[in-house]
PDB file of all heavy atoms in Angstrom:
ATOM      1  N   PRO A   1       5.360   3.931  -7.755  1.00  0.00           N
ATOM      2  CA  PRO A   1       4.014   4.076  -8.330  1.00  0.00           C
ATOM      3  C   PRO A   1       3.696   3.054  -9.414  1.00  0.00           C
ATOM      4  O   PRO A   1       2.550   2.586  -9.498  1.00  0.00           O
ATOM      5  CB  PRO A   1       4.032   5.502  -8.885  1.00  0.00           C
ATOM      6  CG  PRO A   1       4.994   6.232  -8.017  1.00  0.00           C
ATOM      7  CD  PRO A   1       6.058   5.233  -7.717  1.00  0.00           C
ATOM      8  N   ALA A   2       4.674   2.675 -10.218  1.00  0.00           N
ATOM      9  CA  ALA A   2       4.416   1.701 -11.287  1.00  0.00           C
ATOM     10  C   ALA A   2       3.964   0.365 -10.716  1.00  0.00           C
ATOM     11  O   ALA A   2       3.085  -0.305 -11.291  1.00  0.00           O
ATOM     12  CB  ALA A   2       5.676   1.521 -12.137  1.00  0.00           C
ATOM     13  N   PHE A   3       4.524  -0.040  -9.579  1.00  0.00           N
ATOM     14  CA  PHE A   3       4.110  -1.300  -8.939  1.00  0.00           C
ATOM     15  C   PHE A   3       2.713  -1.166  -8.343  1.00  0.00           C
ATOM     16  O   PHE A   3       1.874  -2.061  -8.493  1.00  0.00           O
ATOM     17  CB  PHE A   3       5.111  -1.686  -7.849  1.00  0.00           C
ATOM     18  CG  PHE A   3       6.434  -2.157  -8.374  1.00  0.00           C
ATOM     19  CD1 PHE A   3       7.490  -1.278  -8.540  1.00  0.00           C
ATOM     20  CD2 PHE A   3       6.625  -3.491  -8.725  1.00  0.00           C
ATOM     21  CE1 PHE A   3       8.715  -1.711  -9.021  1.00  0.00           C
ATOM     22  CE2 PHE A   3       7.847  -3.936  -9.209  1.00  0.00           C
ATOM     23  CZ  PHE A   3       8.893  -3.042  -9.362  1.00  0.00           C
ATOM     24  N   TYR A   4       2.462  -0.053  -7.657  1.00  0.00           N
ATOM     25  CA  TYR A   4       1.131   0.154  -7.088  1.00  0.00           C
ATOM     26  C   TYR A   4       0.056   0.181  -8.172  1.00  0.00           C
ATOM     27  O   TYR A   4      -1.036  -0.373  -8.005  1.00  0.00           O
ATOM     28  CB  TYR A   4       1.088   1.478  -6.310  1.00  0.00           C
ATOM     29  CG  TYR A   4       1.910   1.526  -5.046  1.00  0.00           C
ATOM     30  CD1 TYR A   4       2.777   2.586  -4.789  1.00  0.00           C
ATOM     31  CD2 TYR A   4       1.789   0.538  -4.075  1.00  0.00           C
ATOM     32  CE1 TYR A   4       3.516   2.652  -3.627  1.00  0.00           C
ATOM     33  CE2 TYR A   4       2.525   0.597  -2.896  1.00  0.00           C
ATOM     34  CZ  TYR A   4       3.390   1.661  -2.683  1.00  0.00           C
ATOM     35  OH  TYR A   4       4.117   1.722  -1.515  1.00  0.00           O
ATOM     36  N   GLN A   5       0.368   0.849  -9.262  1.00  0.00           N
ATOM     37  CA  GLN A   5      -0.614   0.998 -10.348  1.00  0.00           C
ATOM     38  C   GLN A   5      -0.928  -0.334 -11.028  1.00  0.00           C
ATOM     39  O   GLN A   5      -2.059  -0.572 -11.450  1.00  0.00           O
ATOM     40  CB  GLN A   5      -0.099   2.020 -11.368  1.00  0.00           C
ATOM     41  CG  GLN A   5      -0.040   3.443 -10.836  1.00  0.00           C
ATOM     42  CD  GLN A   5       0.861   4.341 -11.664  1.00  0.00           C
ATOM     43  OE1 GLN A   5       1.512   3.895 -12.621  1.00  0.00           O
ATOM     44  NE2 GLN A   5       0.923   5.620 -11.318  1.00  0.00           N
ATOM     45  N   GLN A   6       0.073  -1.198 -11.133  1.00  0.00           N
ATOM     46  CA  GLN A   6      -0.123  -2.463 -11.834  1.00  0.00           C
ATOM     47  C   GLN A   6      -0.817  -3.508 -10.971  1.00  0.00           C
ATOM     48  O   GLN A   6      -1.559  -4.353 -11.482  1.00  0.00           O
ATOM     49  CB  GLN A   6       1.218  -3.011 -12.326  1.00  0.00           C
ATOM     50  CG  GLN A   6       1.087  -4.224 -13.239  1.00  0.00           C
ATOM     51  CD  GLN A   6       2.405  -4.650 -13.830  1.00  0.00           C
ATOM     52  OE1 GLN A   6       3.429  -3.967 -13.667  1.00  0.00           O
ATOM     53  NE2 GLN A   6       2.403  -5.776 -14.524  1.00  0.00           N
ATOM     54  N   ALA A   7      -0.609  -3.465  -9.655  1.00  0.00           N
ATOM     55  CA  ALA A   7      -1.143  -4.493  -8.761  1.00  0.00           C
ATOM     56  C   ALA A   7      -2.652  -4.345  -8.588  1.00  0.00           C
ATOM     57  O   ALA A   7      -3.253  -3.305  -8.908  1.00  0.00           O
ATOM     58  CB  ALA A   7      -0.438  -4.416  -7.418  1.00  0.00           C
ATOM     59  N   ASP A   8      -3.269  -5.405  -8.054  1.00  0.00           N
ATOM     60  CA  ASP A   8      -4.719  -5.411  -7.809  1.00  0.00           C
ATOM     61  C   ASP A   8      -5.057  -5.209  -6.332  1.00  0.00           C
ATOM     62  O   ASP A   8      -6.096  -4.646  -6.007  1.00  0.00           O
ATOM     63  CB  ASP A   8      -5.309  -6.739  -8.288  1.00  0.00           C
ATOM     64  CG  ASP A   8      -5.217  -6.892  -9.796  1.00  0.00           C
ATOM     65  OD1 ASP A   8      -6.073  -6.330 -10.498  1.00  0.00           O
ATOM     66  OD2 ASP A   8      -4.266  -7.553 -10.255  1.00  0.00           O
ATOM     67  N   VAL A   9      -4.184  -5.702  -5.434  1.00  0.00           N
ATOM     68  CA  VAL A   9      -4.408  -5.542  -3.995  1.00  0.00           C
ATOM     69  C   VAL A   9      -3.063  -5.296  -3.319  1.00  0.00           C
ATOM     70  O   VAL A   9      -2.075  -5.968  -3.647  1.00  0.00           O
ATOM     71  CB  VAL A   9      -5.071  -6.806  -3.380  1.00  0.00           C
ATOM     72  CG1 VAL A   9      -5.159  -6.674  -1.856  1.00  0.00           C
ATOM     73  CG2 VAL A   9      -6.449  -7.034  -3.965  1.00  0.00           C
ATOM     74  N   PHE A  10      -3.064  -4.349  -2.393  1.00  0.00           N
ATOM     75  CA  PHE A  10      -1.870  -4.123  -1.577  1.00  0.00           C
ATOM     76  C   PHE A  10      -2.057  -4.867  -0.262  1.00  0.00           C
ATOM     77  O   PHE A  10      -2.999  -4.585   0.500  1.00  0.00           O
ATOM     78  CB  PHE A  10      -1.659  -2.637  -1.301  1.00  0.00           C
ATOM     79  CG  PHE A  10      -0.428  -2.358  -0.499  1.00  0.00           C
ATOM     80  CD1 PHE A  10       0.831  -2.465  -1.066  1.00  0.00           C
ATOM     81  CD2 PHE A  10      -0.519  -2.025   0.849  1.00  0.00           C
ATOM     82  CE1 PHE A  10       1.977  -2.227  -0.326  1.00  0.00           C
ATOM     83  CE2 PHE A  10       0.624  -1.787   1.596  1.00  0.00           C
ATOM     84  CZ  PHE A  10       1.869  -1.892   1.010  1.00  0.00           C
ATOM     85  N   VAL A  11      -1.178  -5.822   0.008  1.00  0.00           N
ATOM     86  CA  VAL A  11      -1.297  -6.651   1.208  1.00  0.00           C
ATOM     87  C   VAL A  11      -0.312  -6.144   2.263  1.00  0.00           C
ATOM     88  O   VAL A  11       0.891  -6.023   2.001  1.00  0.00           O
ATOM     89  CB  VAL A  11      -1.013  -8.133   0.888  1.00  0.00           C
ATOM     90  CG1 VAL A  11      -1.280  -8.983   2.126  1.00  0.00           C
ATOM     91  CG2 VAL A  11      -1.881  -8.599  -0.271  1.00  0.00           C
ATOM     92  N   PHE A  12      -0.846  -5.847   3.441  1.00  0.00           N
ATOM     93  CA  PHE A  12      -0.037  -5.288   4.527  1.00  0.00           C
ATOM     94  C   PHE A  12      -0.175  -6.207   5.738  1.00  0.00           C
ATOM     95  O   PHE A  12      -1.088  -6.053   6.556  1.00  0.00           O
ATOM     96  CB  PHE A  12      -0.538  -3.881   4.853  1.00  0.00           C
ATOM     97  CG  PHE A  12       0.348  -3.106   5.771  1.00  0.00           C
ATOM     98  CD1 PHE A  12       1.561  -2.593   5.340  1.00  0.00           C
ATOM     99  CD2 PHE A  12      -0.034  -2.878   7.093  1.00  0.00           C
ATOM    100  CE1 PHE A  12       2.380  -1.859   6.197  1.00  0.00           C
ATOM    101  CE2 PHE A  12       0.782  -2.151   7.952  1.00  0.00           C
ATOM    102  CZ  PHE A  12       1.992  -1.647   7.493  1.00  0.00           C
ATOM    103  N   PRO A  13       0.740  -7.188   5.886  1.00  0.00           N
ATOM    104  CA  PRO A  13       0.579  -8.187   6.947  1.00  0.00           C
ATOM    105  C   PRO A  13       1.123  -7.770   8.310  1.00  0.00           C
ATOM    106  O   PRO A  13       0.962  -8.502   9.288  1.00  0.00           O
ATOM    107  CB  PRO A  13       1.368  -9.373   6.400  1.00  0.00           C
ATOM    108  CG  PRO A  13       2.453  -8.751   5.586  1.00  0.00           C
ATOM    109  CD  PRO A  13       1.857  -7.515   4.985  1.00  0.00           C
ATOM    110  N   SER A  14       1.771  -6.630   8.395  1.00  0.00           N
ATOM    111  CA  SER A  14       2.408  -6.225   9.645  1.00  0.00           C
ATOM    112  C   SER A  14       1.382  -6.014  10.759  1.00  0.00           C
ATOM    113  O   SER A  14       0.286  -5.508  10.531  1.00  0.00           O
ATOM    114  CB  SER A  14       3.204  -4.933   9.439  1.00  0.00           C
ATOM    115  OG  SER A  14       3.708  -4.468  10.673  1.00  0.00           O
ATOM    116  N   ARG A  15       1.783  -6.395  11.971  1.00  0.00           N
ATOM    117  CA  ARG A  15       0.959  -6.163  13.152  1.00  0.00           C
ATOM    118  C   ARG A  15       1.606  -5.167  14.113  1.00  0.00           C
ATOM    119  O   ARG A  15       1.078  -4.918  15.201  1.00  0.00           O
ATOM    120  CB  ARG A  15       0.726  -7.477  13.897  1.00  0.00           C
ATOM    121  CG  ARG A  15      -0.128  -8.498  13.145  1.00  0.00           C
ATOM    122  CD  ARG A  15      -0.237  -9.785  13.937  1.00  0.00           C
ATOM    123  NE  ARG A  15      -1.095 -10.771  13.312  1.00  0.00           N
ATOM    124  CZ  ARG A  15      -2.415 -10.865  13.491  1.00  0.00           C
ATOM    125  NH1 ARG A  15      -3.018 -10.005  14.300  1.00  0.00           N
ATOM    126  NH2 ARG A  15      -3.129 -11.794  12.893  1.00  0.00           N
ATOM    127  N   THR A  16       2.752  -4.600  13.718  1.00  0.00           N
ATOM    128  CA  THR A  16       3.515  -3.775  14.661  1.00  0.00           C
ATOM    129  C   THR A  16       3.792  -2.359  14.172  1.00  0.00           C
ATOM    130  O   THR A  16       4.411  -1.583  14.886  1.00  0.00           O
ATOM    131  CB  THR A  16       4.876  -4.440  14.974  1.00  0.00           C
ATOM    132  OG1 THR A  16       5.609  -4.606  13.757  1.00  0.00           O
ATOM    133  CG2 THR A  16       4.681  -5.788  15.644  1.00  0.00           C
ATOM    134  N   ASP A  17       3.343  -1.971  12.995  1.00  0.00           N
ATOM    135  CA  ASP A  17       3.598  -0.616  12.504  1.00  0.00           C
ATOM    136  C   ASP A  17       2.716   0.391  13.219  1.00  0.00           C
ATOM    137  O   ASP A  17       1.551   0.111  13.543  1.00  0.00           O
ATOM    138  CB  ASP A  17       3.349  -0.540  11.001  1.00  0.00           C
ATOM    139  CG  ASP A  17       4.534  -1.032  10.199  1.00  0.00           C
ATOM    140  OD1 ASP A  17       4.848  -2.236  10.290  1.00  0.00           O
ATOM    141  OD2 ASP A  17       5.160  -0.211   9.511  1.00  0.00           O
ATOM    142  N   THR A  18       3.260   1.583  13.436  1.00  0.00           N
ATOM    143  CA  THR A  18       2.472   2.635  14.068  1.00  0.00           C
ATOM    144  C   THR A  18       1.547   3.321  13.070  1.00  0.00           C
ATOM    145  O   THR A  18       0.530   3.892  13.443  1.00  0.00           O
ATOM    146  CB  THR A  18       3.390   3.701  14.690  1.00  0.00           C
ATOM    147  OG1 THR A  18       4.240   4.225  13.667  1.00  0.00           O
ATOM    148  CG2 THR A  18       4.230   3.111  15.805  1.00  0.00           C
ATOM    149  N   PHE A  19       1.905   3.301  11.796  1.00  0.00           N
ATOM    150  CA  PHE A  19       1.088   3.973  10.786  1.00  0.00           C
ATOM    151  C   PHE A  19       1.108   3.185   9.476  1.00  0.00           C
ATOM    152  O   PHE A  19       0.130   2.598   9.076  1.00  0.00           O
ATOM    153  CB  PHE A  19       1.585   5.401  10.555  1.00  0.00           C
ATOM    154  CG  PHE A  19       0.645   6.233   9.722  1.00  0.00           C
ATOM    155  CD1 PHE A  19      -0.369   6.933  10.327  1.00  0.00           C
ATOM    156  CD2 PHE A  19       0.795   6.309   8.349  1.00  0.00           C
ATOM    157  CE1 PHE A  19      -1.250   7.698   9.566  1.00  0.00           C
ATOM    158  CE2 PHE A  19      -0.074   7.076   7.577  1.00  0.00           C
ATOM    159  CZ  PHE A  19      -1.104   7.770   8.188  1.00  0.00           C
ATOM    160  N   GLY A  20       2.250   3.156   8.810  1.00  0.00           N
ATOM    161  CA  GLY A  20       2.357   2.481   7.521  1.00  0.00           C
ATOM    162  C   GLY A  20       2.159   3.449   6.376  1.00  0.00           C
ATOM    163  O   GLY A  20       1.078   3.509   5.776  1.00  0.00           O
ATOM    164  N   LEU A  21       3.192   4.241   6.052  1.00  0.00           N
ATOM    165  CA  LEU A  21       3.081   5.199   4.950  1.00  0.00           C
ATOM    166  C   LEU A  21       2.760   4.522   3.628  1.00  0.00           C
ATOM    167  O   LEU A  21       2.109   5.108   2.754  1.00  0.00           O
ATOM    168  CB  LEU A  21       4.383   5.989   4.819  1.00  0.00           C
ATOM    169  CG  LEU A  21       4.626   7.104   5.828  1.00  0.00           C
ATOM    170  CD1 LEU A  21       5.983   7.726   5.596  1.00  0.00           C
ATOM    171  CD2 LEU A  21       3.546   8.154   5.727  1.00  0.00           C
ATOM    172  N   VAL A  22       3.224   3.283   3.467  1.00  0.00           N
ATOM    173  CA  VAL A  22       2.968   2.582   2.212  1.00  0.00           C
ATOM    174  C   VAL A  22       1.476   2.385   1.988  1.00  0.00           C
ATOM    175  O   VAL A  22       1.028   2.254   0.833  1.00  0.00           O
ATOM    176  CB  VAL A  22       3.712   1.226   2.194  1.00  0.00           C
ATOM    177  CG1 VAL A  22       5.199   1.434   1.998  1.00  0.00           C
ATOM    178  CG2 VAL A  22       3.423   0.423   3.457  1.00  0.00           C
ATOM    179  N   LEU A  23       0.676   2.346   3.043  1.00  0.00           N
ATOM    180  CA  LEU A  23      -0.769   2.251   2.883  1.00  0.00           C
ATOM    181  C   LEU A  23      -1.307   3.455   2.126  1.00  0.00           C
ATOM    182  O   LEU A  23      -2.119   3.320   1.205  1.00  0.00           O
ATOM    183  CB  LEU A  23      -1.452   2.158   4.262  1.00  0.00           C
ATOM    184  CG  LEU A  23      -1.135   0.928   5.118  1.00  0.00           C
ATOM    185  CD1 LEU A  23      -1.757   1.086   6.496  1.00  0.00           C
ATOM    186  CD2 LEU A  23      -1.648  -0.335   4.451  1.00  0.00           C
ATOM    187  N   LEU A  24      -0.852   4.639   2.516  1.00  0.00           N
ATOM    188  CA  LEU A  24      -1.289   5.855   1.839  1.00  0.00           C
ATOM    189  C   LEU A  24      -0.781   5.909   0.403  1.00  0.00           C
ATOM    190  O   LEU A  24      -1.491   6.351  -0.503  1.00  0.00           O
ATOM    191  CB  LEU A  24      -0.809   7.085   2.608  1.00  0.00           C
ATOM    192  CG  LEU A  24      -1.507   7.400   3.933  1.00  0.00           C
ATOM    193  CD1 LEU A  24      -0.919   8.651   4.549  1.00  0.00           C
ATOM    194  CD2 LEU A  24      -2.998   7.567   3.718  1.00  0.00           C
ATOM    195  N   GLU A  25       0.473   5.470   0.205  1.00  0.00           N
ATOM    196  CA  GLU A  25       1.033   5.475  -1.149  1.00  0.00           C
ATOM    197  C   GLU A  25       0.216   4.565  -2.067  1.00  0.00           C
ATOM    198  O   GLU A  25      -0.106   4.940  -3.202  1.00  0.00           O
ATOM    199  CB  GLU A  25       2.487   5.029  -1.109  1.00  0.00           C
ATOM    200  CG  GLU A  25       3.403   5.993  -0.375  1.00  0.00           C
ATOM    201  CD  GLU A  25       4.826   5.473  -0.230  1.00  0.00           C
ATOM    202  OE1 GLU A  25       5.076   4.315  -0.610  1.00  0.00           O
ATOM    203  OE2 GLU A  25       5.676   6.226   0.276  1.00  0.00           O
ATOM    204  N   ALA A  26      -0.105   3.373  -1.568  1.00  0.00           N
ATOM    205  CA  ALA A  26      -0.904   2.441  -2.369  1.00  0.00           C
ATOM    206  C   ALA A  26      -2.278   3.025  -2.672  1.00  0.00           C
ATOM    207  O   ALA A  26      -2.735   3.011  -3.835  1.00  0.00           O
ATOM    208  CB  ALA A  26      -1.039   1.117  -1.623  1.00  0.00           C
ATOM    209  N   MET A  27      -2.956   3.566  -1.665  1.00  0.00           N
ATOM    210  CA  MET A  27      -4.289   4.126  -1.869  1.00  0.00           C
ATOM    211  C   MET A  27      -4.241   5.347  -2.778  1.00  0.00           C
ATOM    212  O   MET A  27      -5.174   5.609  -3.536  1.00  0.00           O
ATOM    213  CB  MET A  27      -4.919   4.465  -0.523  1.00  0.00           C
ATOM    214  CG  MET A  27      -5.225   3.236   0.325  1.00  0.00           C
ATOM    215  SD  MET A  27      -6.184   3.583   1.822  1.00  0.00           S
ATOM    216  CE  MET A  27      -5.068   4.663   2.705  1.00  0.00           C
ATOM    217  N   GLY A  28      -3.135   6.110  -2.694  1.00  0.00           N
ATOM    218  CA  GLY A  28      -2.989   7.242  -3.591  1.00  0.00           C
ATOM    219  C   GLY A  28      -2.997   6.819  -5.049  1.00  0.00           C
ATOM    220  O   GLY A  28      -3.457   7.561  -5.929  1.00  0.00           O
ATOM    221  N   CYS A  29      -2.501   5.617  -5.321  1.00  0.00           N
ATOM    222  CA  CYS A  29      -2.496   5.071  -6.685  1.00  0.00           C
ATOM    223  C   CYS A  29      -3.781   4.316  -6.998  1.00  0.00           C
ATOM    224  O   CYS A  29      -3.884   3.688  -8.065  1.00  0.00           O
ATOM    225  CB  CYS A  29      -1.296   4.148  -6.868  1.00  0.00           C
ATOM    226  SG  CYS A  29       0.292   4.989  -6.764  1.00  0.00           S
ATOM    227  N   GLY A  30      -4.737   4.352  -6.076  1.00  0.00           N
ATOM    228  CA  GLY A  30      -6.003   3.673  -6.298  1.00  0.00           C
ATOM    229  C   GLY A  30      -5.967   2.199  -5.974  1.00  0.00           C
ATOM    230  O   GLY A  30      -6.892   1.458  -6.346  1.00  0.00           O
ATOM    231  N   LEU A  31      -4.937   1.727  -5.267  1.00  0.00           N
ATOM    232  CA  LEU A  31      -4.778   0.304  -4.975  1.00  0.00           C
ATOM    233  C   LEU A  31      -5.437  -0.041  -3.638  1.00  0.00           C
ATOM    234  O   LEU A  31      -5.029   0.473  -2.600  1.00  0.00           O
ATOM    235  CB  LEU A  31      -3.290  -0.043  -4.940  1.00  0.00           C
ATOM    236  CG  LEU A  31      -2.920  -1.504  -4.662  1.00  0.00           C
ATOM    237  CD1 LEU A  31      -3.474  -2.426  -5.749  1.00  0.00           C
ATOM    238  CD2 LEU A  31      -1.405  -1.665  -4.556  1.00  0.00           C
TER     239      LEU A  31
END
């Protein structure tokens, strides 16, 4: 959470993930 909270944009370059839990984690922190 400390990394998500400090960052300005979460970049997710993967083209092969079925979901990407980290997307939800980042958005949960408002990123």
